[in-house]
Amino acid sequence: MRHQRVMKKFGRSTEHRKMLMKGLVTNLILAESIKTTLPKAKEARKAADKMVTIGKKGDLAARRLAASRLLDPEAVRILFDKIAPSFKDRKGGYTRIVKLGARKGDAAEMCILQFVKAEESAQAEKEPAKEVK
């Protein structure tokens, strides 16, 4: 039984699934935006948000933990030097998913997984909600 099991299996072995998530998160950190299917993006968002939280700690132990969960040392450097400091005042929700519609070949729901920019979130907090007439 799958009581309280949240992770999707994607029809892959454990090793393949872990490597898929590592690859998605690494590429998200390197490119700051990736195009993938909706279920993969929802799983990768969980891992990416946890990586930003680890990056916000900034100590050596956190850097080593991030290095064990990412595939590229350059991604670790970008995470700790650029991405995590930009989210220092934000408590969560570091990524967003933008739906694109169905893929032509197999009708899979496609989306873009990207980091929320710190400037955009700060600007949204300053501006009051616009009234609709």
Protein backbone atom coordinates (compact mmCIF):
# COMPACT_ATOMS: atom_id res chain seq x y z
CA MET A 1 0.00 0.00 0.00
CA ARG A 2 1.07 3.57 -0.68
CA HIS A 3 -0.01 5.18 2.59
CA GLN A 4 1.35 8.74 2.78
CA ARG A 5 3.67 8.26 -0.19
CA VAL A 6 3.79 11.50 -2.11
CA MET A 7 6.43 10.93 -4.80
CA LYS A 8 5.40 9.84 -8.30
CA LYS A 9 7.35 6.97 -9.81
CA PHE A 10 7.12 7.94 -13.52
CA GLY A 11 7.48 4.28 -14.51
CA ARG A 12 11.21 4.36 -13.75
CA SER A 13 13.53 2.54 -11.39
CA THR A 14 14.63 4.30 -8.20
CA GLU A 15 18.07 5.16 -9.54
CA HIS A 16 16.67 6.46 -12.82
CA ARG A 17 14.06 8.59 -11.04
CA LYS A 18 16.62 10.11 -8.65
CA MET A 19 18.95 10.93 -11.52
CA LEU A 20 16.07 12.48 -13.47
CA MET A 21 15.27 14.82 -10.57
CA LYS A 22 18.96 15.67 -10.07
CA GLY A 23 19.23 16.52 -13.76
CA LEU A 24 16.09 18.65 -13.78
CA VAL A 25 17.12 20.63 -10.70
CA THR A 26 20.70 21.08 -11.94
CA ASN A 27 19.49 22.36 -15.31
CA LEU A 28 16.96 24.64 -13.61
CA ILE A 29 19.74 26.22 -11.54
CA LEU A 30 22.04 26.59 -14.55
CA ALA A 31 19.40 27.98 -16.95
CA GLU A 32 16.91 29.46 -14.41
CA SER A 33 14.08 28.13 -16.61
CA ILE A 34 13.36 24.69 -18.11
CA LYS A 35 10.60 23.28 -20.29
CA THR A 36 9.26 19.89 -19.18
CA THR A 37 6.06 17.96 -18.56
CA LEU A 38 3.74 19.07 -15.77
CA PRO A 39 4.14 16.02 -13.45
CA LYS A 40 7.95 16.18 -13.71
CA ALA A 41 7.88 19.91 -13.02
CA LYS A 42 5.75 19.43 -9.90
CA GLU A 43 8.23 16.92 -8.50
CA ALA A 44 11.28 18.98 -9.53
CA ARG A 45 9.75 22.08 -7.89
CA LYS A 46 9.84 20.34 -4.50
CA ALA A 47 13.51 19.46 -4.90
CA ALA A 48 14.43 22.90 -6.26
CA ASP A 49 12.77 24.72 -3.37
CA LYS A 50 14.67 22.51 -0.93
CA MET A 51 17.93 23.28 -2.73
CA VAL A 52 17.32 27.03 -2.40
CA THR A 53 16.63 26.56 1.31
CA ILE A 54 19.92 24.67 1.64
CA GLY A 55 21.65 27.44 -0.33
CA LYS A 56 20.30 30.11 2.02
CA LYS A 57 22.19 28.51 4.93
CA GLY A 58 25.45 29.20 3.13
CA ASP A 59 27.83 27.20 5.33
CA LEU A 60 30.26 24.48 4.27
CA ALA A 61 27.99 21.62 5.32
CA ALA A 62 25.17 23.06 3.21
CA ARG A 63 27.52 23.45 0.24
CA ARG A 64 28.60 19.81 0.53
CA LEU A 65 24.99 18.66 0.81
CA ALA A 66 24.09 20.64 -2.30
CA ALA A 67 27.07 19.18 -4.15
CA SER A 68 25.83 15.69 -3.33
CA ARG A 69 22.37 16.50 -4.72
CA LEU A 70 23.44 18.32 -7.90
CA LEU A 71 25.33 17.00 -10.91
CA ASP A 72 27.51 20.02 -11.71
CA PRO A 73 29.87 21.97 -9.44
CA GLU A 74 29.04 25.09 -11.45
CA ALA A 75 25.39 24.68 -10.41
CA VAL A 76 26.44 24.62 -6.75
CA ARG A 77 28.40 27.83 -7.22
CA ILE A 78 25.48 29.55 -8.96
CA LEU A 79 23.06 28.35 -6.28
CA PHE A 80 25.13 29.76 -3.41
CA ASP A 81 26.42 32.93 -5.12
CA LYS A 82 23.44 34.14 -7.17
CA ILE A 83 20.15 32.34 -6.52
CA ALA A 84 20.06 31.85 -2.74
CA PRO A 85 21.09 35.44 -1.86
CA SER A 86 18.33 36.81 -4.10
CA PHE A 87 15.76 34.92 -2.01
CA LYS A 88 17.13 35.83 1.42
CA ASP A 89 13.95 37.71 2.43
CA ARG A 90 11.55 35.18 0.94
CA LYS A 91 10.29 32.31 3.10
CA GLY A 92 9.27 29.89 0.35
CA GLY A 93 7.76 29.55 -3.09
CA TYR A 94 10.97 30.10 -5.01
CA THR A 95 9.72 28.56 -8.26
CA ARG A 96 6.71 28.95 -10.52
CA ILE A 97 5.10 26.70 -13.11
CA VAL A 98 3.67 28.25 -16.29
CA LYS A 99 1.48 25.87 -18.29
CA LEU A 100 2.00 25.78 -22.05
CA GLY A 101 -0.64 23.30 -23.21
CA ALA A 102 -0.41 19.85 -24.75
CA ARG A 103 2.63 18.58 -26.63
CA LYS A 104 1.82 17.75 -30.25
CA GLY A 105 3.30 14.25 -30.36
CA ASP A 106 1.74 12.57 -27.32
CA ALA A 107 -0.55 15.28 -25.86
CA ALA A 108 1.51 15.47 -22.67
CA GLU A 109 0.81 18.61 -20.61
CA MET A 110 3.88 20.84 -21.03
CA CYS A 111 5.02 23.69 -18.80
CA ILE A 112 7.92 25.96 -17.96
CA LEU A 113 9.49 25.65 -14.52
CA GLN A 114 11.34 28.83 -13.54
CA PHE A 115 12.62 30.73 -10.55
CA VAL A 116 10.58 33.66 -9.30
CA LYS A 117 12.75 36.75 -9.63
CA ALA A 118 13.37 38.62 -6.40
CA GLU A 119 12.68 41.95 -8.12
CA GLU A 120 9.28 40.73 -9.34
CA SER A 121 8.24 39.49 -5.91
CA ALA A 122 9.34 42.73 -4.22
CA GLN A 123 7.50 44.81 -6.81
CA ALA A 124 4.32 42.75 -6.38
CA GLU A 125 4.39 43.34 -2.62
CA LYS A 126 4.79 47.13 -3.05
CA GLU A 127 1.97 47.56 -5.58
CA PRO A 128 -1.56 47.39 -4.18
CA ALA A 129 -4.11 45.19 -5.92
CA LYS A 130 -5.80 46.90 -8.83
CA GLU A 131 -9.54 47.33 -8.60
CA VAL A 132 -11.72 45.97 -11.38
CA LYS A 133 -14.56 48.24 -12.44
